[in-house]
Amino acid sequence: MQVTASQIWSAVEAIREQAPVIHNITNFVVMNNTANALLALGASPVMAHAEEEVEEMVGIAGALVINIGTLSRHWTPSMLKAVQYAHRKKIPIVLDPVGAGATSYRTRTSLELLEAAPITIIRGNASEIMALVNSEARTKGVDSSALSEDALDAARRLHETYGSVVCVSGETDYIVAGADVTRILNGHILMTKVTGLGCTASALCGAFAAVNGDFALAAAEAMAVMGIAGEMGAMKSFGPGSMQVNFLDALYRLSEENIDKLIKIDG
């Protein structure tokens, strides 16, 4: 898949012009970070997990993002209801199976969500993606214990089984849609020291999917923008604290020139 700077910039402009509502059922750790990142990009974030309102909220959304980071039994019915309603309304769904492989509960819930409705994009680190197809795979808490390229076979199997675009994040990000594999080479090591940037990547996948019906391209665009903003933020940062702020500023200030200068994609 060819991904150009002009395609990415057109999608960024569409997000800024349309300000799509991105409904997040996400975790307590990242709610503020994720909402700020979506706002900085130009989208309109909503964080709503009450079972009593998820269908109504999904109904006004351009995309639904499900993140199981602080999973509890009270949230699972809301997540299942939301993905089923989003499917009926033809709204793209992003699943972030945070910590799949760390506990059987997380892995089981991720698989229940995959079975409940077709998931548009699955985004996770290598260990999480591998755990969804191999019960023996293990995750180090919510961090990966494997390299992103190690999960390519698992990503292909997930795509074959569920039809989802699969995004494996790591030092190199991989977008897998059947035989089509795209490598995103942008990013900075300092991003790994800021909690929740993986969750932010999933939220941005939702924003791009809301304006681009080519969901493999949307995932690639989101991950490229994440990496480029990370590189821009790192240039002015002294550590994780300033990186968090500078990353948000980079998303807000992102220009076509930034993308054209920094893009590193191997289709």
C-alpha atoms as a PDB file:
ATOM      1  CA  MET A   1       0.000   0.000   0.000  1.00  0.00           C
ATOM      2  CA  GLN A   2       1.382   3.372  -1.007  1.00  0.00           C
ATOM      3  CA  VAL A   3       0.915   6.105   1.576  1.00  0.00           C
ATOM      4  CA  THR A   4       1.941   9.612   0.585  1.00  0.00           C
ATOM      5  CA  ALA A   5       2.432  12.809   2.533  1.00  0.00           C
ATOM      6  CA  SER A   6      -0.380  14.448   0.545  1.00  0.00           C
ATOM      7  CA  GLN A   7      -2.810  11.651   1.486  1.00  0.00           C
ATOM      8  CA  ILE A   8      -1.942  12.017   5.155  1.00  0.00           C
ATOM      9  CA  TRP A   9      -2.292  15.781   5.028  1.00  0.00           C
ATOM     10  CA  SER A  10      -5.667  15.538   3.256  1.00  0.00           C
ATOM     11  CA  ALA A  11      -6.895  13.269   6.052  1.00  0.00           C
ATOM     12  CA  VAL A  12      -5.590  15.669   8.724  1.00  0.00           C
ATOM     13  CA  GLU A  13      -7.406  18.536   6.996  1.00  0.00           C
ATOM     14  CA  ALA A  14     -10.603  16.458   6.863  1.00  0.00           C
ATOM     15  CA  ILE A  15     -10.381  15.788  10.610  1.00  0.00           C
ATOM     16  CA  ARG A  16      -9.841  19.478  11.325  1.00  0.00           C
ATOM     17  CA  GLU A  17     -12.729  20.508   9.076  1.00  0.00           C
ATOM     18  CA  GLN A  18     -15.229  17.848  10.167  1.00  0.00           C
ATOM     19  CA  ALA A  19     -14.221  17.509  13.846  1.00  0.00           C
ATOM     20  CA  PRO A  20     -15.676  13.973  13.992  1.00  0.00           C
ATOM     21  CA  VAL A  21     -16.938  12.779  17.368  1.00  0.00           C
ATOM     22  CA  ILE A  22     -14.759   9.910  18.569  1.00  0.00           C
ATOM     23  CA  HIS A  23     -16.511   7.867  21.256  1.00  0.00           C
ATOM     24  CA  ASN A  24     -13.961   6.314  23.596  1.00  0.00           C
ATOM     25  CA  ILE A  25     -14.673   3.614  26.123  1.00  0.00           C
ATOM     26  CA  THR A  26     -11.155   3.720  27.480  1.00  0.00           C
ATOM     27  CA  ASN A  27      -9.180   3.430  30.666  1.00  0.00           C
ATOM     28  CA  PHE A  28      -8.830   5.749  33.650  1.00  0.00           C
ATOM     29  CA  VAL A  29      -5.074   6.153  33.162  1.00  0.00           C
ATOM     30  CA  VAL A  30      -5.303   7.735  29.698  1.00  0.00           C
ATOM     31  CA  MET A  31      -8.667   9.495  29.467  1.00  0.00           C
ATOM     32  CA  ASN A  32      -7.220  12.986  29.801  1.00  0.00           C
ATOM     33  CA  ASN A  33      -4.239  12.305  27.524  1.00  0.00           C
ATOM     34  CA  THR A  34      -6.377  10.703  24.842  1.00  0.00           C
ATOM     35  CA  ALA A  35      -8.984  13.449  24.898  1.00  0.00           C
ATOM     36  CA  ASN A  36      -6.307  16.131  24.623  1.00  0.00           C
ATOM     37  CA  ALA A  37      -4.592  14.362  21.726  1.00  0.00           C
ATOM     38  CA  LEU A  38      -7.852  14.072  19.791  1.00  0.00           C
ATOM     39  CA  LEU A  39      -8.606  17.732  20.439  1.00  0.00           C
ATOM     40  CA  ALA A  40      -5.103  18.764  19.369  1.00  0.00           C
ATOM     41  CA  LEU A  41      -5.511  16.851  16.116  1.00  0.00           C
ATOM     42  CA  GLY A  42      -8.900  18.452  15.474  1.00  0.00           C
ATOM     43  CA  ALA A  43     -11.358  15.700  16.435  1.00  0.00           C
ATOM     44  CA  SER A  44     -14.059  15.886  19.108  1.00  0.00           C
ATOM     45  CA  PRO A  45     -13.527  13.335  21.917  1.00  0.00           C
ATOM     46  CA  VAL A  46     -16.241  11.813  24.090  1.00  0.00           C
ATOM     47  CA  MET A  47     -15.416   9.548  27.045  1.00  0.00           C
ATOM     48  CA  ALA A  48     -18.602   7.661  27.942  1.00  0.00           C
ATOM     49  CA  HIS A  49     -18.818   4.147  29.358  1.00  0.00           C
ATOM     50  CA  ALA A  50     -22.200   3.945  31.128  1.00  0.00           C
ATOM     51  CA  GLU A  51     -24.243   1.110  29.667  1.00  0.00           C
ATOM     52  CA  GLU A  52     -27.358   3.304  29.853  1.00  0.00           C
ATOM     53  CA  GLU A  53     -26.031   5.782  27.266  1.00  0.00           C
ATOM     54  CA  VAL A  54     -23.504   4.027  25.043  1.00  0.00           C
ATOM     55  CA  GLU A  55     -25.924   3.363  22.192  1.00  0.00           C
ATOM     56  CA  GLU A  56     -27.009   6.997  22.019  1.00  0.00           C
ATOM     57  CA  MET A  57     -23.402   8.153  22.172  1.00  0.00           C
ATOM     58  CA  VAL A  58     -22.294   5.732  19.486  1.00  0.00           C
ATOM     59  CA  GLY A  59     -25.150   7.033  17.343  1.00  0.00           C
ATOM     60  CA  ILE A  60     -23.598  10.502  17.123  1.00  0.00           C
ATOM     61  CA  ALA A  61     -20.009   9.292  16.697  1.00  0.00           C
ATOM     62  CA  GLY A  62     -17.808   9.074  13.642  1.00  0.00           C
ATOM     63  CA  ALA A  63     -15.878   6.188  15.215  1.00  0.00           C
ATOM     64  CA  LEU A  64     -15.873   4.031  18.343  1.00  0.00           C
ATOM     65  CA  VAL A  65     -12.642   3.227  20.212  1.00  0.00           C
ATOM     66  CA  ILE A  66     -12.663   0.404  22.767  1.00  0.00           C
ATOM     67  CA  ASN A  67      -9.692   0.199  25.142  1.00  0.00           C
ATOM     68  CA  ILE A  68      -9.595  -2.436  27.900  1.00  0.00           C
ATOM     69  CA  GLY A  69      -6.752  -0.898  29.913  1.00  0.00           C
ATOM     70  CA  THR A  70      -8.599  -0.693  33.245  1.00  0.00           C
ATOM     71  CA  LEU A  71     -11.035  -3.492  32.552  1.00  0.00           C
ATOM     72  CA  SER A  72     -13.818  -4.325  35.001  1.00  0.00           C
ATOM     73  CA  ARG A  73     -16.982  -6.389  34.894  1.00  0.00           C
ATOM     74  CA  HIS A  74     -19.080  -3.226  34.955  1.00  0.00           C
ATOM     75  CA  TRP A  75     -17.578  -1.986  31.689  1.00  0.00           C
ATOM     76  CA  THR A  76     -17.669  -5.198  29.645  1.00  0.00           C
ATOM     77  CA  PRO A  77     -21.442  -5.090  28.928  1.00  0.00           C
ATOM     78  CA  SER A  78     -21.079  -1.461  27.809  1.00  0.00           C
ATOM     79  CA  MET A  79     -18.268  -2.398  25.451  1.00  0.00           C
ATOM     80  CA  LEU A  80     -20.201  -5.308  23.965  1.00  0.00           C
ATOM     81  CA  LYS A  81     -23.331  -3.218  23.525  1.00  0.00           C
ATOM     82  CA  ALA A  82     -21.345  -0.388  21.943  1.00  0.00           C
ATOM     83  CA  VAL A  83     -19.566  -2.527  19.341  1.00  0.00           C
ATOM     84  CA  GLN A  84     -22.790  -4.270  18.352  1.00  0.00           C
ATOM     85  CA  TYR A  85     -24.616  -0.971  17.910  1.00  0.00           C
ATOM     86  CA  ALA A  86     -21.693   0.608  16.042  1.00  0.00           C
ATOM     87  CA  HIS A  87     -21.714  -2.338  13.635  1.00  0.00           C
ATOM     88  CA  ARG A  88     -25.432  -1.910  13.003  1.00  0.00           C
ATOM     89  CA  LYS A  89     -24.900   1.808  12.359  1.00  0.00           C
ATOM     90  CA  LYS A  90     -21.863   1.098  10.108  1.00  0.00           C
ATOM     91  CA  ILE A  91     -19.557   3.129  12.372  1.00  0.00           C
ATOM     92  CA  PRO A  92     -15.874   2.070  12.337  1.00  0.00           C
ATOM     93  CA  ILE A  93     -14.639   0.330  15.480  1.00  0.00           C
ATOM     94  CA  VAL A  94     -11.098   0.323  16.867  1.00  0.00           C
ATOM     95  CA  LEU A  95     -10.118  -2.233  19.522  1.00  0.00           C
ATOM     96  CA  ASP A  96      -7.072  -1.797  21.753  1.00  0.00           C
ATOM     97  CA  PRO A  97      -6.634  -5.109  23.657  1.00  0.00           C
ATOM     98  CA  VAL A  98      -4.435  -3.597  26.375  1.00  0.00           C
ATOM     99  CA  GLY A  99      -2.645  -6.277  28.353  1.00  0.00           C
ATOM    100  CA  ALA A 100      -4.102  -9.221  26.437  1.00  0.00           C
ATOM    101  CA  GLY A 101      -1.935 -12.162  27.426  1.00  0.00           C
ATOM    102  CA  ALA A 102      -1.208 -10.749  30.881  1.00  0.00           C
ATOM    103  CA  THR A 103      -4.362 -12.323  32.345  1.00  0.00           C
ATOM    104  CA  SER A 104      -6.927 -14.753  31.004  1.00  0.00           C
ATOM    105  CA  TYR A 105      -9.680 -12.221  31.767  1.00  0.00           C
ATOM    106  CA  ARG A 106      -8.171  -9.634  29.451  1.00  0.00           C
ATOM    107  CA  THR A 107      -7.568 -12.135  26.674  1.00  0.00           C
ATOM    108  CA  ARG A 108     -11.049 -13.610  27.004  1.00  0.00           C
ATOM    109  CA  THR A 109     -12.726 -10.197  26.971  1.00  0.00           C
ATOM    110  CA  SER A 110     -10.765  -9.154  23.871  1.00  0.00           C
ATOM    111  CA  LEU A 111     -11.897 -12.291  22.070  1.00  0.00           C
ATOM    112  CA  GLU A 112     -15.504 -11.746  23.171  1.00  0.00           C
ATOM    113  CA  LEU A 113     -15.383  -8.276  21.637  1.00  0.00           C
ATOM    114  CA  LEU A 114     -13.930  -9.659  18.413  1.00  0.00           C
ATOM    115  CA  GLU A 115     -16.750 -12.202  18.248  1.00  0.00           C
ATOM    116  CA  ALA A 116     -19.476  -9.678  19.150  1.00  0.00           C
ATOM    117  CA  ALA A 117     -19.145  -7.617  15.962  1.00  0.00           C
ATOM    118  CA  PRO A 118     -16.668  -7.097  13.115  1.00  0.00           C
ATOM    119  CA  ILE A 119     -13.853  -4.904  14.412  1.00  0.00           C
ATOM    120  CA  THR A 120     -12.514  -2.447  11.861  1.00  0.00           C
ATOM    121  CA  ILE A 121      -9.002  -1.934  13.265  1.00  0.00           C
ATOM    122  CA  ILE A 122      -7.181  -3.883  15.988  1.00  0.00           C
ATOM    123  CA  ARG A 123      -4.214  -1.921  17.365  1.00  0.00           C
ATOM    124  CA  GLY A 124      -1.875  -3.373  19.932  1.00  0.00           C
ATOM    125  CA  ASN A 125       1.727  -4.119  20.728  1.00  0.00           C
ATOM    126  CA  ALA A 126       3.314  -7.344  19.537  1.00  0.00           C
ATOM    127  CA  SER A 127       2.612  -9.385  22.677  1.00  0.00           C
ATOM    128  CA  GLU A 128      -1.041  -8.315  22.743  1.00  0.00           C
ATOM    129  CA  ILE A 129      -1.568  -9.216  19.097  1.00  0.00           C
ATOM    130  CA  MET A 130       0.124 -12.586  19.561  1.00  0.00           C
ATOM    131  CA  ALA A 131      -1.968 -13.348  22.659  1.00  0.00           C
ATOM    132  CA  LEU A 132      -5.165 -13.014  20.617  1.00  0.00           C
ATOM    133  CA  VAL A 133      -4.197 -16.022  18.501  1.00  0.00           C
ATOM    134  CA  ASN A 134      -2.042 -18.000  20.946  1.00  0.00           C
ATOM    135  CA  SER A 135      -3.100 -18.552  24.531  1.00  0.00           C
ATOM    136  CA  GLU A 136       0.519 -19.360  25.457  1.00  0.00           C
ATOM    137  CA  ALA A 137       1.734 -15.884  24.463  1.00  0.00           C
ATOM    138  CA  ARG A 138       2.452 -13.642  27.425  1.00  0.00           C
ATOM    139  CA  THR A 139       2.516  -9.872  27.909  1.00  0.00           C
ATOM    140  CA  LYS A 140       4.743  -8.045  30.413  1.00  0.00           C
ATOM    141  CA  GLY A 141       1.959  -6.183  32.211  1.00  0.00           C
ATOM    142  CA  VAL A 142       0.682  -3.881  29.506  1.00  0.00           C
ATOM    143  CA  ASP A 143       4.058  -3.707  27.740  1.00  0.00           C
ATOM    144  CA  SER A 144       5.294  -5.896  24.935  1.00  0.00           C
ATOM    145  CA  SER A 145       7.811  -8.653  25.541  1.00  0.00           C
ATOM    146  CA  ALA A 146       8.260  -9.163  21.784  1.00  0.00           C
ATOM    147  CA  LEU A 147       9.323  -7.125  18.774  1.00  0.00           C
ATOM    148  CA  SER A 148       6.630  -5.862  16.421  1.00  0.00           C
ATOM    149  CA  GLU A 149       7.899  -8.001  13.532  1.00  0.00           C
ATOM    150  CA  ASP A 150       7.474 -11.104  15.700  1.00  0.00           C
ATOM    151  CA  ALA A 151       3.699 -10.580  15.581  1.00  0.00           C
ATOM    152  CA  LEU A 152       3.288 -10.436  11.792  1.00  0.00           C
ATOM    153  CA  ASP A 153       2.055 -14.023  11.454  1.00  0.00           C
ATOM    154  CA  ALA A 154      -0.421 -13.479  14.298  1.00  0.00           C
ATOM    155  CA  ALA A 155      -1.595 -10.249  12.672  1.00  0.00           C
ATOM    156  CA  ARG A 156      -2.221 -12.055   9.388  1.00  0.00           C
ATOM    157  CA  ARG A 157      -4.186 -14.765  11.193  1.00  0.00           C
ATOM    158  CA  LEU A 158      -6.320 -12.156  12.950  1.00  0.00           C
ATOM    159  CA  HIS A 159      -7.044 -10.507   9.621  1.00  0.00           C
ATOM    160  CA  GLU A 160      -7.970 -13.839   8.045  1.00  0.00           C
ATOM    161  CA  THR A 161     -10.231 -14.786  10.949  1.00  0.00           C
ATOM    162  CA  TYR A 162     -11.980 -11.479  11.623  1.00  0.00           C
ATOM    163  CA  GLY A 163     -11.365  -9.345   8.536  1.00  0.00           C
ATOM    164  CA  SER A 164      -9.887  -6.567  10.671  1.00  0.00           C
ATOM    165  CA  VAL A 165      -7.024  -4.314   9.702  1.00  0.00           C
ATOM    166  CA  VAL A 166      -4.331  -5.117  12.268  1.00  0.00           C
ATOM    167  CA  CYS A 167      -1.863  -2.507  13.480  1.00  0.00           C
ATOM    168  CA  VAL A 168       1.143  -3.823  15.405  1.00  0.00           C
ATOM    169  CA  SER A 169       2.973  -0.982  17.141  1.00  0.00           C
ATOM    170  CA  GLY A 170       6.594  -0.943  18.197  1.00  0.00           C
ATOM    171  CA  GLU A 171       9.918   0.480  17.068  1.00  0.00           C
ATOM    172  CA  THR A 172       8.519  -0.201  13.601  1.00  0.00           C
ATOM    173  CA  ASP A 173       4.736  -0.082  13.223  1.00  0.00           C
ATOM    174  CA  TYR A 174       3.136  -2.621  10.901  1.00  0.00           C
ATOM    175  CA  ILE A 175      -0.258  -2.262   9.223  1.00  0.00           C
ATOM    176  CA  VAL A 176      -1.505  -5.671   8.087  1.00  0.00           C
ATOM    177  CA  ALA A 177      -4.451  -6.187   5.753  1.00  0.00           C
ATOM    178  CA  GLY A 178      -4.122  -9.583   4.123  1.00  0.00           C
ATOM    179  CA  ALA A 179      -1.016  -9.798   1.963  1.00  0.00           C
ATOM    180  CA  ASP A 180      -0.628  -6.030   2.176  1.00  0.00           C
ATOM    181  CA  VAL A 181       1.861  -5.032   4.884  1.00  0.00           C
ATOM    182  CA  THR A 182       2.911  -1.409   5.418  1.00  0.00           C
ATOM    183  CA  ARG A 183       5.794  -0.395   7.677  1.00  0.00           C
ATOM    184  CA  ILE A 184       5.769   2.933   9.495  1.00  0.00           C
ATOM    185  CA  LEU A 185       9.283   3.907  10.553  1.00  0.00           C
ATOM    186  CA  ASN A 186       8.507   7.171  12.332  1.00  0.00           C
ATOM    187  CA  GLY A 187       8.688   7.653  16.102  1.00  0.00           C
ATOM    188  CA  HIS A 188      11.138   8.319  18.924  1.00  0.00           C
ATOM    189  CA  ILE A 189      12.362   6.251  21.858  1.00  0.00           C
ATOM    190  CA  LEU A 190      11.176   8.941  24.312  1.00  0.00           C
ATOM    191  CA  MET A 191       7.588   8.062  23.370  1.00  0.00           C
ATOM    192  CA  THR A 192       7.975   4.790  25.272  1.00  0.00           C
ATOM    193  CA  LYS A 193       8.545   6.760  28.490  1.00  0.00           C
ATOM    194  CA  VAL A 194       5.170   8.529  28.350  1.00  0.00           C
ATOM    195  CA  THR A 195       2.265   6.424  29.581  1.00  0.00           C
ATOM    196  CA  GLY A 196      -0.704   6.040  27.291  1.00  0.00           C
ATOM    197  CA  LEU A 197       0.789   6.933  23.926  1.00  0.00           C
ATOM    198  CA  GLY A 198      -0.157   3.497  22.610  1.00  0.00           C
ATOM    199  CA  CYS A 199      -3.720   4.190  23.707  1.00  0.00           C
ATOM    200  CA  THR A 200      -3.466   7.572  21.994  1.00  0.00           C
ATOM    201  CA  ALA A 201      -2.460   5.796  18.791  1.00  0.00           C
ATOM    202  CA  SER A 202      -5.662   3.743  18.952  1.00  0.00           C
ATOM    203  CA  ALA A 203      -7.735   6.885  19.453  1.00  0.00           C
ATOM    204  CA  LEU A 204      -6.075   8.545  16.464  1.00  0.00           C
ATOM    205  CA  CYS A 205      -6.817   5.435  14.388  1.00  0.00           C
ATOM    206  CA  GLY A 206     -10.460   6.129  15.234  1.00  0.00           C
ATOM    207  CA  ALA A 207     -10.171   9.756  14.106  1.00  0.00           C
ATOM    208  CA  PHE A 208      -8.632   8.825  10.759  1.00  0.00           C
ATOM    209  CA  ALA A 209     -11.114   5.968  10.236  1.00  0.00           C
ATOM    210  CA  ALA A 210     -13.935   8.469  10.782  1.00  0.00           C
ATOM    211  CA  VAL A 211     -12.863  10.442   7.682  1.00  0.00           C
ATOM    212  CA  ASN A 212     -11.326   7.705   5.512  1.00  0.00           C
ATOM    213  CA  GLY A 213     -13.221   4.595   4.455  1.00  0.00           C
ATOM    214  CA  ASP A 214      -9.995   2.867   3.389  1.00  0.00           C
ATOM    215  CA  PHE A 215      -9.288   1.591   6.870  1.00  0.00           C
ATOM    216  CA  ALA A 216      -5.822   0.181   6.190  1.00  0.00           C
ATOM    217  CA  LEU A 217      -4.821   3.588   4.846  1.00  0.00           C
ATOM    218  CA  ALA A 218      -6.497   5.283   7.834  1.00  0.00           C
ATOM    219  CA  ALA A 219      -4.462   3.167  10.274  1.00  0.00           C
ATOM    220  CA  ALA A 220      -1.248   3.915   8.395  1.00  0.00           C
ATOM    221  CA  GLU A 221      -2.043   7.634   8.391  1.00  0.00           C
ATOM    222  CA  ALA A 222      -2.727   7.604  12.131  1.00  0.00           C
ATOM    223  CA  MET A 223       0.487   5.794  12.977  1.00  0.00           C
ATOM    224  CA  ALA A 224       2.552   8.043  10.708  1.00  0.00           C
ATOM    225  CA  VAL A 225       1.085  11.144  12.362  1.00  0.00           C
ATOM    226  CA  MET A 226       1.778   9.651  15.810  1.00  0.00           C
ATOM    227  CA  GLY A 227       5.388   8.992  14.903  1.00  0.00           C
ATOM    228  CA  ILE A 228       5.951  12.346  13.230  1.00  0.00           C
ATOM    229  CA  ALA A 229       4.427  14.233  16.165  1.00  0.00           C
ATOM    230  CA  GLY A 230       6.606  12.155  18.491  1.00  0.00           C
ATOM    231  CA  GLU A 231       9.736  13.112  16.571  1.00  0.00           C
ATOM    232  CA  MET A 232       8.727  16.779  16.548  1.00  0.00           C
ATOM    233  CA  GLY A 233       7.964  16.700  20.264  1.00  0.00           C
ATOM    234  CA  ALA A 234      11.220  14.959  21.143  1.00  0.00           C
ATOM    235  CA  MET A 235      13.253  17.679  19.429  1.00  0.00           C
ATOM    236  CA  LYS A 236      12.191  20.126  22.168  1.00  0.00           C
ATOM    237  CA  SER A 237      11.933  17.765  25.128  1.00  0.00           C
ATOM    238  CA  PHE A 238      14.251  17.160  28.082  1.00  0.00           C
ATOM    239  CA  GLY A 239      12.399  14.103  29.378  1.00  0.00           C
ATOM    240  CA  PRO A 240       8.990  12.396  29.598  1.00  0.00           C
ATOM    241  CA  GLY A 241       7.236  15.362  31.233  1.00  0.00           C
ATOM    242  CA  SER A 242       8.067  17.892  28.573  1.00  0.00           C
ATOM    243  CA  MET A 243       7.605  15.207  25.905  1.00  0.00           C
ATOM    244  CA  GLN A 244       3.967  14.774  26.869  1.00  0.00           C
ATOM    245  CA  VAL A 245       3.293  18.487  26.427  1.00  0.00           C
ATOM    246  CA  ASN A 246       5.410  18.856  23.298  1.00  0.00           C
ATOM    247  CA  PHE A 247       3.739  15.868  21.649  1.00  0.00           C
ATOM    248  CA  LEU A 248       0.335  17.538  22.032  1.00  0.00           C
ATOM    249  CA  ASP A 249       1.707  20.812  20.687  1.00  0.00           C
ATOM    250  CA  ALA A 250       3.204  18.962  17.715  1.00  0.00           C
ATOM    251  CA  LEU A 251      -0.171  17.388  16.888  1.00  0.00           C
ATOM    252  CA  TYR A 252      -1.776  20.819  17.053  1.00  0.00           C
ATOM    253  CA  ARG A 253       0.910  22.501  14.937  1.00  0.00           C
ATOM    254  CA  LEU A 254       1.272  19.652  12.430  1.00  0.00           C
ATOM    255  CA  SER A 255       1.613  20.930   8.875  1.00  0.00           C
ATOM    256  CA  GLU A 256       1.909  19.441   5.415  1.00  0.00           C
ATOM    257  CA  GLU A 257       5.546  20.545   5.414  1.00  0.00           C
ATOM    258  CA  ASN A 258       6.217  18.591   8.642  1.00  0.00           C
ATOM    259  CA  ILE A 259       4.687  15.460   7.154  1.00  0.00           C
ATOM    260  CA  ASP A 260       6.502  15.784   3.839  1.00  0.00           C
ATOM    261  CA  LYS A 261       9.843  16.329   5.585  1.00  0.00           C
ATOM    262  CA  LEU A 262       9.606  13.614   8.221  1.00  0.00           C
ATOM    263  CA  ILE A 263       7.489  10.804   6.727  1.00  0.00           C
ATOM    264  CA  LYS A 264       9.163   7.369   6.732  1.00  0.00           C
ATOM    265  CA  ILE A 265       6.869   4.723   5.252  1.00  0.00           C
ATOM    266  CA  ASP A 266       7.701   1.504   3.445  1.00  0.00           C
ATOM    267  CA  GLY A 267       4.613   0.241   1.622  1.00  0.00           C
END
